[in-house]
Amino acid sequence: MSYYNLEELEVYQLAESFSDEIWILVGEWDYFAKDTIGKQIVRAADSISANIAEGYGRYHYKENRNFCFFSRGSILETKGWLKKSLNRKLINDDQFNVLFEKLQIIHIKLNAYLKFIGKASTIKDQ
């Protein structure tokens, strides 16, 4: 598994698509919802792919891993904002389930990428 550019990373592609979906969803909310939960969930969702990108650009495995850990934190933060959005009736059950499942897939793929980075780091150090 070799990647020559960031856009080839599936986890990055999924995270970018997810954050765009959140952006569109929040754009339909009223001002108060946008100004409170909306800003938070958009920032958290955007942070997932942003941290993957920043880590990828560092070209050092340890730094890349650290930014992937930040990305994983943003996944969990986004899950929390999704739950609040559901509880406050900003999204319905179906929207929540679809979005939550997409986050689960991103989470799994990010963990696999972290494992790959760890192996690549070990091979390089030998």
N, C-alpha and C. Protein backbone atom coordinates (compact mmCIF):
# COMPACT_ATOMS: atom_id res chain seq x y z
N MET A 1 0.85 -1.17 0.00
CA MET A 1 0.00 0.00 0.00
C MET A 1 0.90 1.24 0.00
N SER A 2 0.98 1.91 -1.11
CA SER A 2 1.82 3.08 -1.25
C SER A 2 0.99 4.24 -1.76
N TYR A 3 1.19 5.39 -1.15
CA TYR A 3 0.42 6.57 -1.55
C TYR A 3 1.37 7.67 -1.99
N TYR A 4 1.11 8.21 -3.16
CA TYR A 4 1.96 9.27 -3.68
C TYR A 4 1.40 10.65 -3.38
N ASN A 5 0.10 10.71 -3.17
CA ASN A 5 -0.46 12.00 -2.79
C ASN A 5 -1.66 11.79 -1.87
N LEU A 6 -1.95 12.82 -1.16
CA LEU A 6 -3.00 12.78 -0.14
C LEU A 6 -4.35 12.36 -0.70
N GLU A 7 -4.67 12.83 -1.87
CA GLU A 7 -5.99 12.57 -2.44
C GLU A 7 -6.23 11.08 -2.74
N GLU A 8 -5.17 10.27 -2.73
CA GLU A 8 -5.32 8.84 -2.95
C GLU A 8 -5.75 8.09 -1.68
N LEU A 9 -5.63 8.73 -0.54
CA LEU A 9 -6.00 8.08 0.72
C LEU A 9 -7.51 7.99 0.84
N GLU A 10 -8.02 6.78 0.93
CA GLU A 10 -9.47 6.60 1.03
C GLU A 10 -10.04 7.26 2.28
N VAL A 11 -9.35 7.14 3.40
CA VAL A 11 -9.86 7.73 4.63
C VAL A 11 -9.97 9.25 4.49
N TYR A 12 -9.03 9.86 3.78
CA TYR A 12 -9.08 11.30 3.55
C TYR A 12 -10.28 11.65 2.66
N GLN A 13 -10.48 10.88 1.60
CA GLN A 13 -11.61 11.11 0.70
C GLN A 13 -12.93 11.01 1.44
N LEU A 14 -13.07 9.99 2.28
CA LEU A 14 -14.30 9.79 3.05
C LEU A 14 -14.53 10.94 4.03
N ALA A 15 -13.46 11.37 4.69
CA ALA A 15 -13.57 12.46 5.66
C ALA A 15 -13.95 13.77 4.98
N GLU A 16 -13.38 14.03 3.81
CA GLU A 16 -13.72 15.24 3.05
C GLU A 16 -15.19 15.22 2.64
N SER A 17 -15.63 14.11 2.13
CA SER A 17 -17.03 13.97 1.70
C SER A 17 -17.98 14.13 2.89
N PHE A 18 -17.62 13.53 4.00
CA PHE A 18 -18.45 13.62 5.21
C PHE A 18 -18.58 15.07 5.67
N SER A 19 -17.47 15.79 5.71
CA SER A 19 -17.54 17.17 6.19
C SER A 19 -18.36 18.05 5.24
N ASP A 20 -18.29 17.78 3.95
CA ASP A 20 -19.13 18.51 3.00
C ASP A 20 -20.61 18.23 3.25
N GLU A 21 -20.91 16.99 3.57
CA GLU A 21 -22.30 16.60 3.87
C GLU A 21 -22.81 17.33 5.13
N ILE A 22 -21.96 17.42 6.14
CA ILE A 22 -22.32 18.14 7.37
C ILE A 22 -22.55 19.62 7.05
N TRP A 23 -21.69 20.19 6.24
CA TRP A 23 -21.82 21.61 5.85
C TRP A 23 -23.18 21.88 5.22
N ILE A 24 -23.56 21.03 4.28
CA ILE A 24 -24.84 21.20 3.58
C ILE A 24 -26.00 21.05 4.57
N LEU A 25 -25.93 20.06 5.43
CA LEU A 25 -26.99 19.82 6.42
C LEU A 25 -27.16 21.02 7.34
N VAL A 26 -26.07 21.50 7.90
CA VAL A 26 -26.13 22.62 8.84
C VAL A 26 -26.60 23.89 8.14
N GLY A 27 -26.29 24.04 6.87
CA GLY A 27 -26.73 25.20 6.11
C GLY A 27 -28.24 25.37 6.08
N GLU A 28 -28.96 24.29 6.31
CA GLU A 28 -30.43 24.33 6.30
C GLU A 28 -31.03 24.67 7.66
N TRP A 29 -30.23 24.74 8.70
CA TRP A 29 -30.73 25.01 10.04
C TRP A 29 -31.02 26.50 10.22
N ASP A 30 -31.82 26.81 11.27
CA ASP A 30 -32.08 28.21 11.57
C ASP A 30 -30.84 28.86 12.20
N TYR A 31 -30.87 30.17 12.32
CA TYR A 31 -29.69 30.92 12.78
C TYR A 31 -29.18 30.43 14.14
N PHE A 32 -30.06 30.28 15.11
CA PHE A 32 -29.63 29.88 16.44
C PHE A 32 -28.93 28.53 16.41
N ALA A 33 -29.51 27.57 15.73
CA ALA A 33 -28.91 26.23 15.64
C ALA A 33 -27.56 26.28 14.92
N LYS A 34 -27.48 27.07 13.85
CA LYS A 34 -26.21 27.22 13.12
C LYS A 34 -25.14 27.84 14.01
N ASP A 35 -25.55 28.85 14.78
CA ASP A 35 -24.61 29.62 15.58
C ASP A 35 -24.10 28.84 16.80
N THR A 36 -24.83 27.85 17.22
CA THR A 36 -24.44 27.09 18.41
C THR A 36 -23.88 25.73 18.00
N ILE A 37 -24.70 24.76 17.86
CA ILE A 37 -24.27 23.42 17.49
C ILE A 37 -23.68 23.38 16.09
N GLY A 38 -24.27 24.13 15.17
CA GLY A 38 -23.83 24.09 13.78
C GLY A 38 -22.36 24.41 13.59
N LYS A 39 -21.91 25.52 14.18
CA LYS A 39 -20.50 25.89 14.05
C LYS A 39 -19.60 24.82 14.64
N GLN A 40 -20.01 24.26 15.76
CA GLN A 40 -19.19 23.26 16.43
C GLN A 40 -19.07 21.97 15.62
N ILE A 41 -20.19 21.49 15.11
CA ILE A 41 -20.15 20.23 14.36
C ILE A 41 -19.41 20.39 13.03
N VAL A 42 -19.56 21.55 12.39
CA VAL A 42 -18.82 21.80 11.15
C VAL A 42 -17.32 21.84 11.42
N ARG A 43 -16.92 22.53 12.47
CA ARG A 43 -15.49 22.60 12.80
C ARG A 43 -14.93 21.22 13.14
N ALA A 44 -15.68 20.46 13.92
CA ALA A 44 -15.21 19.12 14.29
C ALA A 44 -15.10 18.22 13.06
N ALA A 45 -16.11 18.25 12.19
CA ALA A 45 -16.10 17.42 10.98
C ALA A 45 -14.98 17.85 10.04
N ASP A 46 -14.78 19.15 9.87
CA ASP A 46 -13.69 19.64 9.02
C ASP A 46 -12.32 19.25 9.57
N SER A 47 -12.23 19.20 10.88
CA SER A 47 -10.97 18.88 11.54
C SER A 47 -10.51 17.44 11.27
N ILE A 48 -11.44 16.55 10.99
CA ILE A 48 -11.08 15.16 10.71
C ILE A 48 -10.13 15.10 9.51
N SER A 49 -10.56 15.62 8.38
CA SER A 49 -9.73 15.57 7.18
C SER A 49 -8.55 16.55 7.27
N ALA A 50 -8.75 17.68 7.93
CA ALA A 50 -7.67 18.66 8.04
C ALA A 50 -6.47 18.08 8.78
N ASN A 51 -6.72 17.35 9.85
CA ASN A 51 -5.61 16.75 10.59
C ASN A 51 -4.95 15.61 9.83
N ILE A 52 -5.74 14.84 9.08
CA ILE A 52 -5.14 13.80 8.24
C ILE A 52 -4.20 14.47 7.23
N ALA A 53 -4.65 15.56 6.62
CA ALA A 53 -3.85 16.27 5.63
C ALA A 53 -2.58 16.85 6.25
N GLU A 54 -2.73 17.48 7.40
CA GLU A 54 -1.55 18.09 8.02
C GLU A 54 -0.52 17.03 8.41
N GLY A 55 -0.99 15.93 8.96
CA GLY A 55 -0.06 14.85 9.32
C GLY A 55 0.62 14.27 8.10
N TYR A 56 -0.12 14.08 7.04
CA TYR A 56 0.42 13.54 5.80
C TYR A 56 1.53 14.44 5.25
N GLY A 57 1.34 15.72 5.40
CA GLY A 57 2.31 16.68 4.89
C GLY A 57 3.57 16.79 5.71
N ARG A 58 3.61 16.19 6.87
CA ARG A 58 4.78 16.28 7.74
C ARG A 58 5.93 15.38 7.30
N TYR A 59 5.63 14.31 6.60
CA TYR A 59 6.62 13.36 6.09
C TYR A 59 7.44 12.65 7.18
N HIS A 60 7.02 12.74 8.39
CA HIS A 60 7.64 11.98 9.49
C HIS A 60 6.55 11.15 10.13
N TYR A 61 6.80 9.87 10.27
CA TYR A 61 5.77 8.94 10.74
C TYR A 61 5.20 9.33 12.11
N LYS A 62 6.08 9.72 13.04
CA LYS A 62 5.58 10.06 14.38
C LYS A 62 4.65 11.28 14.34
N GLU A 63 5.04 12.28 13.59
CA GLU A 63 4.18 13.47 13.48
C GLU A 63 2.88 13.12 12.76
N ASN A 64 2.97 12.32 11.71
CA ASN A 64 1.78 11.90 10.98
C ASN A 64 0.83 11.17 11.93
N ARG A 65 1.37 10.26 12.72
CA ARG A 65 0.54 9.52 13.69
C ARG A 65 -0.12 10.48 14.68
N ASN A 66 0.63 11.45 15.17
CA ASN A 66 0.05 12.40 16.14
C ASN A 66 -1.14 13.14 15.54
N PHE A 67 -1.02 13.59 14.31
CA PHE A 67 -2.13 14.29 13.68
C PHE A 67 -3.31 13.34 13.41
N CYS A 68 -3.00 12.09 13.15
CA CYS A 68 -4.09 11.11 12.99
C CYS A 68 -4.81 10.88 14.32
N PHE A 69 -4.07 10.96 15.41
CA PHE A 69 -4.72 10.85 16.73
C PHE A 69 -5.62 12.07 16.96
N PHE A 70 -5.17 13.25 16.54
CA PHE A 70 -6.03 14.44 16.64
C PHE A 70 -7.30 14.23 15.81
N SER A 71 -7.12 13.67 14.62
CA SER A 71 -8.25 13.39 13.74
C SER A 71 -9.23 12.44 14.41
N ARG A 72 -8.70 11.42 15.07
CA ARG A 72 -9.56 10.47 15.76
C ARG A 72 -10.35 11.15 16.87
N GLY A 73 -9.71 12.08 17.56
CA GLY A 73 -10.42 12.86 18.57
C GLY A 73 -11.55 13.67 17.96
N SER A 74 -11.31 14.21 16.77
CA SER A 74 -12.35 14.98 16.07
C SER A 74 -13.51 14.09 15.64
N ILE A 75 -13.20 12.84 15.31
CA ILE A 75 -14.28 11.90 14.98
C ILE A 75 -15.19 11.73 16.20
N LEU A 76 -14.60 11.53 17.35
CA LEU A 76 -15.40 11.34 18.56
C LEU A 76 -16.15 12.61 18.94
N GLU A 77 -15.52 13.75 18.74
CA GLU A 77 -16.21 15.01 19.01
C GLU A 77 -17.41 15.17 18.08
N THR A 78 -17.23 14.83 16.81
CA THR A 78 -18.32 14.94 15.85
C THR A 78 -19.46 14.00 16.22
N LYS A 79 -19.13 12.81 16.69
CA LYS A 79 -20.17 11.88 17.14
C LYS A 79 -20.98 12.51 18.27
N GLY A 80 -20.31 13.18 19.16
CA GLY A 80 -21.01 13.86 20.26
C GLY A 80 -21.94 14.95 19.76
N TRP A 81 -21.49 15.74 18.80
CA TRP A 81 -22.33 16.81 18.25
C TRP A 81 -23.50 16.23 17.46
N LEU A 82 -23.27 15.10 16.79
CA LEU A 82 -24.38 14.44 16.09
C LEU A 82 -25.46 14.02 17.08
N LYS A 83 -25.03 13.45 18.21
CA LYS A 83 -25.98 13.01 19.23
C LYS A 83 -26.77 14.20 19.78
N LYS A 84 -26.07 15.31 20.02
CA LYS A 84 -26.77 16.52 20.49
C LYS A 84 -27.76 17.01 19.43
N SER A 85 -27.36 16.96 18.17
CA SER A 85 -28.24 17.38 17.07
C SER A 85 -29.50 16.53 17.03
N LEU A 86 -29.35 15.24 17.27
CA LEU A 86 -30.50 14.34 17.32
C LEU A 86 -31.39 14.67 18.52
N ASN A 87 -30.78 14.79 19.68
CA ASN A 87 -31.53 15.05 20.91
C ASN A 87 -32.30 16.37 20.85
N ARG A 88 -31.75 17.33 20.11
CA ARG A 88 -32.38 18.65 20.02
C ARG A 88 -33.24 18.79 18.77
N LYS A 89 -33.49 17.66 18.13
CA LYS A 89 -34.41 17.58 16.98
C LYS A 89 -33.97 18.40 15.77
N LEU A 90 -32.65 18.54 15.61
CA LEU A 90 -32.11 19.22 14.43
C LEU A 90 -31.93 18.24 13.27
N ILE A 91 -31.78 16.97 13.61
CA ILE A 91 -31.74 15.90 12.61
C ILE A 91 -32.67 14.79 13.08
N ASN A 92 -33.12 13.98 12.14
CA ASN A 92 -34.00 12.88 12.52
C ASN A 92 -33.19 11.59 12.71
N ASP A 93 -33.85 10.54 13.14
CA ASP A 93 -33.18 9.26 13.41
C ASP A 93 -32.45 8.72 12.18
N ASP A 94 -33.09 8.81 11.03
CA ASP A 94 -32.48 8.29 9.80
C ASP A 94 -31.20 9.06 9.46
N GLN A 95 -31.26 10.38 9.53
CA GLN A 95 -30.07 11.19 9.25
C GLN A 95 -28.95 10.84 10.24
N PHE A 96 -29.31 10.74 11.51
CA PHE A 96 -28.32 10.40 12.53
C PHE A 96 -27.66 9.06 12.21
N ASN A 97 -28.48 8.05 11.92
CA ASN A 97 -27.94 6.71 11.68
C ASN A 97 -27.01 6.67 10.47
N VAL A 98 -27.39 7.34 9.40
CA VAL A 98 -26.55 7.37 8.19
C VAL A 98 -25.23 8.08 8.48
N LEU A 99 -25.30 9.24 9.11
CA LEU A 99 -24.09 10.00 9.40
C LEU A 99 -23.20 9.29 10.41
N PHE A 100 -23.82 8.70 11.43
CA PHE A 100 -23.04 7.99 12.45
C PHE A 100 -22.32 6.80 11.83
N GLU A 101 -22.99 6.08 10.93
CA GLU A 101 -22.37 4.94 10.25
C GLU A 101 -21.19 5.39 9.39
N LYS A 102 -21.33 6.52 8.72
CA LYS A 102 -20.21 7.05 7.93
C LYS A 102 -19.03 7.38 8.82
N LEU A 103 -19.30 7.95 9.99
CA LEU A 103 -18.23 8.24 10.94
C LEU A 103 -17.57 6.96 11.44
N GLN A 104 -18.37 5.93 11.65
CA GLN A 104 -17.82 4.64 12.09
C GLN A 104 -16.84 4.10 11.04
N ILE A 105 -17.21 4.20 9.78
CA ILE A 105 -16.35 3.71 8.70
C ILE A 105 -15.06 4.54 8.64
N ILE A 106 -15.18 5.85 8.76
CA ILE A 106 -13.99 6.71 8.78
C ILE A 106 -13.09 6.33 9.95
N HIS A 107 -13.69 6.09 11.10
CA HIS A 107 -12.95 5.71 12.30
C HIS A 107 -12.17 4.41 12.07
N ILE A 108 -12.82 3.42 11.52
CA ILE A 108 -12.18 2.13 11.23
C ILE A 108 -11.04 2.31 10.23
N LYS A 109 -11.29 3.07 9.17
CA LYS A 109 -10.27 3.29 8.14
C LYS A 109 -9.09 4.08 8.70
N LEU A 110 -9.37 5.04 9.58
CA LEU A 110 -8.28 5.81 10.18
C LEU A 110 -7.43 4.91 11.07
N ASN A 111 -8.06 4.03 11.83
CA ASN A 111 -7.30 3.09 12.65
C ASN A 111 -6.42 2.18 11.79
N ALA A 112 -6.94 1.76 10.64
CA ALA A 112 -6.14 0.93 9.72
C ALA A 112 -4.96 1.74 9.17
N TYR A 113 -5.20 3.00 8.84
CA TYR A 113 -4.13 3.86 8.35
C TYR A 113 -3.07 4.06 9.42
N LEU A 114 -3.49 4.25 10.66
CA LEU A 114 -2.54 4.37 11.77
C LEU A 114 -1.69 3.10 11.91
N LYS A 115 -2.31 1.97 11.75
CA LYS A 115 -1.59 0.70 11.82
C LYS A 115 -0.56 0.62 10.69
N PHE A 116 -0.97 1.04 9.48
CA PHE A 116 -0.07 1.06 8.33
C PHE A 116 1.11 1.99 8.59
N ILE A 117 0.85 3.17 9.12
CA ILE A 117 1.92 4.13 9.41
C ILE A 117 2.90 3.51 10.41
N GLY A 118 2.36 2.84 11.42
CA GLY A 118 3.21 2.20 12.43
C GLY A 118 4.12 1.15 11.82
N LYS A 119 3.58 0.34 10.91
CA LYS A 119 4.39 -0.68 10.24
C LYS A 119 5.46 -0.04 9.36
N ALA A 120 5.07 1.01 8.65
CA ALA A 120 6.03 1.69 7.77
C ALA A 120 7.15 2.32 8.59
N SER A 121 6.81 2.84 9.76
CA SER A 121 7.81 3.44 10.63
C SER A 121 8.79 2.39 11.12
N THR A 122 8.28 1.22 11.48
CA THR A 122 9.12 0.13 11.96
C THR A 122 10.07 -0.35 10.87
N ILE A 123 9.55 -0.49 9.65
CA ILE A 123 10.37 -0.95 8.53
C ILE A 123 11.47 0.07 8.24
N LYS A 124 11.13 1.34 8.29
CA LYS A 124 12.10 2.39 8.00
C LYS A 124 13.22 2.41 9.04
N ASP A 125 12.88 2.13 10.30
CA ASP A 125 13.85 2.18 11.39
C ASP A 125 14.81 1.01 11.37
N GLN A 126 14.48 -0.07 10.63
CA GLN A 126 15.35 -1.26 10.63
C GLN A 126 16.54 -1.08 9.74
